[in-house]
Amino acid sequence: QVQLVESGGRLVQPGGSLRLSCAASGSIFSINAMGWYRQAPGKQRELVAAITSSGSTNYADSVKGRFTISRDNAKNTVYLQMNSLKPEDTAVYYCNAYLRQIATMTWHDYWGQGTQVTVSS
């Protein structure tokens, strides 16, 4: 199996910064794309940022200029650097990976368990 493990979520003050990490491990695989989604209580899950294997990135309009997504391909890890945090950024953040398992040569969409980010005074 493949596991995605997120870390870094915590309570921070408005205007503060936080970096989330997501590491993929398990069976041998190749990653096409990884991204971060978030979901607030009573709200739909939304895309925050994504990055492809070629390095192309995409951001939600609400986080452009404040958040940066990056990858360490050697470690199969994706990061989300969050600056100038606002109360409306409060949500559970989920890591997502679209990957191909080498053993079966099949593609799969995996999700982490989520990490809570709370922006409040």
Protein backbone atom coordinates (compact mmCIF):
# COMPACT_ATOMS: atom_id res chain seq x y z
CA GLN A 1 0.00 0.00 0.00
CA VAL A 2 0.91 3.67 -0.32
CA GLN A 3 0.54 6.06 2.59
CA LEU A 4 0.47 9.85 2.67
CA VAL A 5 1.36 11.39 6.02
CA GLU A 6 0.82 15.10 6.66
CA SER A 7 2.46 17.11 9.42
CA GLY A 8 2.88 20.71 10.54
CA GLY A 9 -0.67 21.80 11.32
CA ARG A 10 -1.21 23.82 14.51
CA LEU A 11 -2.74 26.95 16.01
CA VAL A 12 -1.18 30.16 14.70
CA GLN A 13 -1.96 33.87 15.02
CA PRO A 14 -3.25 35.95 12.10
CA GLY A 15 -0.33 37.14 10.00
CA GLY A 16 1.81 34.20 11.05
CA SER A 17 3.46 31.52 8.94
CA LEU A 18 3.33 27.74 8.82
CA ARG A 19 4.83 24.99 6.68
CA LEU A 20 3.00 21.75 6.02
CA SER A 21 4.73 18.57 4.85
CA CYS A 22 3.40 15.44 3.18
CA ALA A 23 5.52 12.33 2.64
CA ALA A 24 4.49 9.43 0.41
CA SER A 25 5.79 5.97 1.27
CA GLY A 26 5.06 2.29 0.73
CA SER A 27 5.10 0.26 -2.46
CA ILE A 28 7.14 1.38 -5.45
CA PHE A 29 5.36 4.09 -7.40
CA SER A 30 5.81 7.06 -9.70
CA ILE A 31 4.03 10.33 -8.93
CA ASN A 32 2.28 12.35 -11.59
CA ALA A 33 1.06 15.16 -9.35
CA MET A 34 0.66 16.11 -5.70
CA GLY A 35 -1.43 18.80 -4.12
CA TRP A 36 -3.04 20.30 -1.07
CA TYR A 37 -6.76 20.61 -0.44
CA ARG A 38 -8.59 22.06 2.53
CA GLN A 39 -12.03 21.71 4.05
CA ALA A 40 -13.64 23.93 6.68
CA PRO A 41 -16.66 22.76 8.75
CA GLY A 42 -19.81 22.85 6.63
CA LYS A 43 -17.86 23.72 3.49
CA GLN A 44 -16.85 21.79 0.39
CA ARG A 45 -13.30 20.58 -0.01
CA GLU A 46 -11.33 22.95 -2.23
CA LEU A 47 -8.02 22.86 -4.04
CA VAL A 48 -5.37 25.06 -2.43
CA ALA A 49 -2.30 24.29 -4.54
CA ALA A 50 -0.98 21.55 -6.82
CA ILE A 51 2.31 20.68 -8.49
CA THR A 52 3.01 18.24 -11.33
CA SER A 53 6.02 16.02 -11.91
CA SER A 54 7.30 18.58 -14.41
CA GLY A 55 7.11 21.38 -11.86
CA SER A 56 4.00 23.20 -13.06
CA THR A 57 1.99 24.76 -10.22
CA ASN A 58 -1.57 25.93 -9.70
CA TYR A 59 -3.02 27.98 -6.82
CA ALA A 60 -6.44 28.99 -5.62
CA ASP A 61 -7.02 32.72 -6.08
CA SER A 62 -7.50 33.15 -2.34
CA VAL A 63 -3.93 32.03 -1.56
CA LYS A 64 -1.94 33.42 -4.49
CA GLY A 65 0.97 35.50 -3.28
CA ARG A 66 0.77 34.00 0.22
CA PHE A 67 1.21 30.23 -0.22
CA THR A 68 3.94 28.34 -2.06
CA ILE A 69 3.92 24.65 -2.98
CA SER A 70 7.16 22.76 -3.58
CA ARG A 71 8.46 19.20 -3.93
CA ASP A 72 11.48 17.15 -2.97
CA ASN A 73 11.32 14.36 -5.54
CA ALA A 74 14.11 12.34 -3.91
CA LYS A 75 12.06 12.14 -0.70
CA ASN A 76 8.62 11.88 -2.34
CA THR A 77 7.59 14.84 -0.22
CA VAL A 78 5.49 17.91 -0.97
CA TYR A 79 5.46 21.09 1.11
CA LEU A 80 3.08 23.99 1.52
CA GLN A 81 4.60 27.20 2.86
CA MET A 82 1.83 29.43 4.20
CA ASN A 83 2.53 33.09 4.96
CA SER A 84 0.31 35.99 6.04
CA LEU A 85 -2.25 33.57 7.39
CA LYS A 86 -5.84 34.73 7.82
CA PRO A 87 -8.68 33.37 9.98
CA GLU A 88 -10.43 32.21 6.79
CA ASP A 89 -7.49 29.87 6.16
CA THR A 90 -8.67 27.77 9.11
CA ALA A 91 -9.45 24.25 7.88
CA VAL A 92 -8.30 20.67 7.77
CA TYR A 93 -5.61 20.43 5.11
CA TYR A 94 -5.34 17.23 3.09
CA CYS A 95 -2.47 15.97 0.98
CA ASN A 96 -3.35 14.36 -2.35
CA ALA A 97 -1.24 12.30 -4.73
CA TYR A 98 -2.03 10.88 -8.17
CA LEU A 99 0.42 8.06 -8.73
CA ARG A 100 1.12 4.87 -10.62
CA GLN A 101 2.00 1.66 -8.80
CA ILE A 102 4.87 -0.02 -10.62
CA ALA A 103 3.89 -3.56 -9.61
CA THR A 104 0.47 -3.33 -11.25
CA MET A 105 1.07 -0.45 -13.68
CA THR A 106 -2.19 1.10 -12.54
CA TRP A 107 -2.99 4.68 -11.51
CA HIS A 108 -4.49 5.62 -8.17
CA ASP A 109 -5.62 8.75 -6.33
CA TYR A 110 -4.51 8.78 -2.67
CA TRP A 111 -5.41 11.04 0.25
CA GLY A 112 -3.76 11.68 3.58
CA GLN A 113 -5.64 11.80 6.89
CA GLY A 114 -5.47 15.57 7.16
CA THR A 115 -3.85 18.07 9.51
CA GLN A 116 -5.69 20.84 11.35
CA VAL A 117 -4.68 24.45 10.77
CA THR A 118 -6.31 27.05 13.00
CA VAL A 119 -5.66 30.77 12.55
CA SER A 120 -6.90 32.72 15.56
CA SER A 121 -5.85 35.25 18.18
